C-alpha atoms as a PDB file:
ATOM      1  CA  MET A   1     -13.711  24.204  -9.432  1.00  0.00           C
ATOM      2  CA  THR A   2     -11.011  26.776  -8.770  1.00  0.00           C
ATOM      3  CA  MET A   3      -7.398  25.957  -8.418  1.00  0.00           C
ATOM      4  CA  SER A   4      -7.759  27.209  -4.676  1.00  0.00           C
ATOM      5  CA  GLN A   5     -10.624  24.651  -4.218  1.00  0.00           C
ATOM      6  CA  GLN A   6      -8.643  21.871  -5.957  1.00  0.00           C
ATOM      7  CA  LEU A   7      -5.425  22.685  -3.715  1.00  0.00           C
ATOM      8  CA  GLN A   8      -7.595  22.523  -0.725  1.00  0.00           C
ATOM      9  CA  GLN A   9      -9.105  19.207  -1.604  1.00  0.00           C
ATOM     10  CA  LEU A  10      -5.561  17.897  -2.384  1.00  0.00           C
ATOM     11  CA  LYS A  11      -4.328  19.060   1.021  1.00  0.00           C
ATOM     12  CA  THR A  12      -7.299  17.196   2.706  1.00  0.00           C
ATOM     13  CA  GLN A  13      -6.542  14.084   0.691  1.00  0.00           C
ATOM     14  CA  VAL A  14      -2.858  14.179   1.668  1.00  0.00           C
ATOM     15  CA  SER A  15      -3.585  14.663   5.277  1.00  0.00           C
ATOM     16  CA  ASP A  16      -6.077  11.865   5.224  1.00  0.00           C
ATOM     17  CA  LEU A  17      -3.618   9.595   3.461  1.00  0.00           C
ATOM     18  CA  ILE A  18      -0.931  10.463   6.140  1.00  0.00           C
ATOM     19  CA  ASP A  19      -3.330   9.399   8.781  1.00  0.00           C
ATOM     20  CA  THR A  20      -4.084   6.095   6.918  1.00  0.00           C
ATOM     21  CA  LEU A  21      -0.367   5.383   6.350  1.00  0.00           C
ATOM     22  CA  THR A  22       0.543   6.260  10.062  1.00  0.00           C
ATOM     23  CA  ASP A  23      -2.317   3.888  11.152  1.00  0.00           C
ATOM     24  CA  ALA A  24      -1.036   1.261   8.870  1.00  0.00           C
ATOM     25  CA  VAL A  25       2.629   1.307  10.273  1.00  0.00           C
ATOM     26  CA  SER A  26       1.157   0.983  13.786  1.00  0.00           C
ATOM     27  CA  ASP A  27      -0.880  -2.060  12.574  1.00  0.00           C
ATOM     28  CA  GLY A  28       2.496  -3.897  11.813  1.00  0.00           C
ATOM     29  CA  PRO A  29       4.772  -5.733  12.173  1.00  0.00           C
ATOM     30  CA  TYR A  30       5.771  -5.537   8.538  1.00  0.00           C
ATOM     31  CA  SER A  31       8.808  -6.888   6.586  1.00  0.00           C
ATOM     32  CA  GLU A  32      11.699  -4.644   6.261  1.00  0.00           C
ATOM     33  CA  GLU A  33      10.693  -3.774   2.517  1.00  0.00           C
ATOM     34  CA  GLN A  34       7.106  -2.969   3.649  1.00  0.00           C
ATOM     35  CA  ASN A  35       8.297  -0.723   6.331  1.00  0.00           C
ATOM     36  CA  ARG A  36      10.685   1.035   4.046  1.00  0.00           C
ATOM     37  CA  LEU A  37       7.799   1.694   1.467  1.00  0.00           C
ATOM     38  CA  LEU A  38       5.385   2.843   4.289  1.00  0.00           C
ATOM     39  CA  ASP A  39       8.019   5.308   5.517  1.00  0.00           C
ATOM     40  CA  GLN A  40       8.905   6.565   2.130  1.00  0.00           C
ATOM     41  CA  ALA A  41       5.182   7.119   1.465  1.00  0.00           C
ATOM     42  CA  ILE A  42       4.683   9.017   4.694  1.00  0.00           C
ATOM     43  CA  LEU A  43       7.878  11.057   4.232  1.00  0.00           C
ATOM     44  CA  THR A  44       6.735  11.841   0.644  1.00  0.00           C
ATOM     45  CA  MET A  45       3.323  12.983   1.709  1.00  0.00           C
ATOM     46  CA  GLN A  46       4.636  15.106   4.617  1.00  0.00           C
ATOM     47  CA  THR A  47       6.977  16.886   2.198  1.00  0.00           C
ATOM     48  CA  LEU A  48       4.148  17.282  -0.163  1.00  0.00           C
ATOM     49  CA  GLN A  49       2.027  18.623   2.576  1.00  0.00           C
ATOM     50  CA  ASP A  50       4.811  21.138   3.540  1.00  0.00           C
ATOM     51  CA  ASP A  51       5.123  22.282  -0.097  1.00  0.00           C
ATOM     52  CA  MET A  52       1.424  23.019  -0.439  1.00  0.00           C
ATOM     53  CA  SER A  53       1.670  25.414   2.472  1.00  0.00           C
ATOM     54  CA  ASN A  54       3.804  27.750   0.266  1.00  0.00           C
ATOM     55  CA  ASP A  55       2.360  31.311  -0.162  1.00  0.00           C
ATOM     56  CA  THR A  56       1.833  31.442  -3.881  1.00  0.00           C
ATOM     57  CA  GLU A  57      -0.030  29.006  -6.131  1.00  0.00           C
ATOM     58  CA  GLU A  58       2.858  29.225  -8.538  1.00  0.00           C
ATOM     59  CA  ALA A  59       5.322  27.938  -5.647  1.00  0.00           C
ATOM     60  CA  ILE A  60       2.857  25.263  -4.833  1.00  0.00           C
ATOM     61  CA  LEU A  61       2.728  24.251  -8.448  1.00  0.00           C
ATOM     62  CA  ILE A  62       6.360  23.850  -8.730  1.00  0.00           C
ATOM     63  CA  GLY A  63       6.415  21.826  -5.655  1.00  0.00           C
ATOM     64  CA  LEU A  64       3.770  19.460  -6.928  1.00  0.00           C
ATOM     65  CA  THR A  65       5.436  19.115 -10.113  1.00  0.00           C
ATOM     66  CA  ALA A  66       8.620  18.118  -8.419  1.00  0.00           C
ATOM     67  CA  HIS A  67       6.834  15.484  -6.522  1.00  0.00           C
ATOM     68  CA  ASN A  68       5.026  13.818  -9.323  1.00  0.00           C
ATOM     69  CA  GLN A  69       7.912  11.654 -10.536  1.00  0.00           C
ATOM     70  CA  GLU A  70       8.685  10.794  -7.056  1.00  0.00           C
ATOM     71  CA  LEU A  71       5.170   9.733  -6.329  1.00  0.00           C
ATOM     72  CA  SER A  72       4.985   7.792  -9.627  1.00  0.00           C
ATOM     73  CA  ASP A  73       8.136   5.965  -8.633  1.00  0.00           C
ATOM     74  CA  LEU A  74       6.654   5.030  -5.265  1.00  0.00           C
ATOM     75  CA  ASN A  75       3.449   3.856  -6.822  1.00  0.00           C
ATOM     76  CA  LYS A  76       5.430   1.577  -9.116  1.00  0.00           C
ATOM     77  CA  ALA A  77       7.494   0.091  -6.096  1.00  0.00           C
ATOM     78  CA  ILE A  78       4.276  -0.489  -3.976  1.00  0.00           C
ATOM     79  CA  ASP A  79       2.530  -1.943  -7.009  1.00  0.00           C
ATOM     80  CA  ALA A  80       5.420  -4.305  -7.787  1.00  0.00           C
ATOM     81  CA  TYR A  81       5.555  -5.386  -4.146  1.00  0.00           C
ATOM     82  CA  SER A  82       1.872  -5.874  -4.008  1.00  0.00           C
ATOM     83  CA  LYS A  83       2.067  -8.191  -7.199  1.00  0.00           C
ATOM     84  CA  LYS A  84       4.693 -10.281  -5.331  1.00  0.00           C
ATOM     85  CA  LEU A  85       2.441 -10.662  -2.443  1.00  0.00           C
ATOM     86  CA  ASP A  86      -0.455 -11.572  -4.907  1.00  0.00           C
ATOM     87  CA  ALA A  87       1.740 -14.248  -6.368  1.00  0.00           C
ATOM     88  CA  THR A  88       2.679 -15.637  -3.012  1.00  0.00           C
ATOM     89  CA  ALA A  89      -0.973 -15.688  -1.771  1.00  0.00           C
ATOM     90  CA  ALA A  90      -1.821 -17.508  -4.970  1.00  0.00           C
ATOM     91  CA  LYS A  91       0.779 -20.088  -4.281  1.00  0.00           C
ATOM     92  CA  ILE A  92      -0.242 -20.402  -0.515  1.00  0.00           C
ATOM     93  CA  LYS A  93      -4.037 -20.815  -1.642  1.00  0.00           C
ATOM     94  CA  SER A  94      -2.873 -23.547  -4.018  1.00  0.00           C
ATOM     95  CA  ILE A  95      -1.058 -25.406  -1.342  1.00  0.00           C
ATOM     96  CA  ALA A  96      -3.922 -24.999   1.047  1.00  0.00           C
ATOM     97  CA  ASP A  97      -6.465 -26.320  -1.542  1.00  0.00           C
ATOM     98  CA  THR A  98      -4.155 -29.321  -2.249  1.00  0.00           C
ATOM     99  CA  VAL A  99      -3.798 -29.945   1.663  1.00  0.00           C
ATOM    100  CA  GLY A 100      -7.625 -29.713   2.024  1.00  0.00           C
ATOM    101  CA  THR A 101      -8.102 -32.326  -0.887  1.00  0.00           C
ATOM    102  CA  ILE A 102      -5.607 -34.763   0.672  1.00  0.00           C
ATOM    103  CA  ALA A 103      -7.049 -34.283   4.107  1.00  0.00           C
ATOM    104  CA  GLY A 104     -10.595 -35.003   2.691  1.00  0.00           C
ATOM    105  CA  VAL A 105      -9.302 -38.120   1.033  1.00  0.00           C
ATOM    106  CA  VAL A 106      -7.648 -39.210   4.097  1.00  0.00           C
ATOM    107  CA  ALA A 107     -10.649 -38.517   6.219  1.00  0.00           C
ATOM    108  CA  GLY A 108     -12.623 -40.754   3.768  1.00  0.00           C
ATOM    109  CA  ILE A 109     -10.270 -43.495   3.879  1.00  0.00           C
ATOM    110  CA  VAL A 110     -10.229 -43.402   7.832  1.00  0.00           C
ATOM    111  CA  SER A 111     -14.027 -43.308   8.003  1.00  0.00           C
ATOM    112  CA  SER A 112     -14.174 -46.407   5.687  1.00  0.00           C
ATOM    113  CA  GLY A 113     -11.949 -48.196   7.958  1.00  0.00           C
ATOM    114  CA  VAL A 114      -9.110 -48.829   5.573  1.00  0.00           C
ATOM    115  CA  LEU A 115      -6.700 -47.040   7.872  1.00  0.00           C
END
């Protein structure tokens, strides 16, 4: 695949991601942190998209290189937030399982006439 083809493929992926992120924002509401991360991702992708509109492949490459660290940092922030949500979801599931167990025990006691 030529560099031109790779850049065109990247442009398509970035455009698709902007659409996905924009849809995600409208699916809210989100927490302040989630909104900040989504807004930052959209802005970064739009800037990247603008940089890929440069006239020369060399200018595009310079822009892509400049965004590489920014994208890496954004990915780390989103990943860290995702891990916090995963931990919270696990705690909620644990509590839901415990509540379900207790409800089952209480239902058994009620049905046996003890309560």
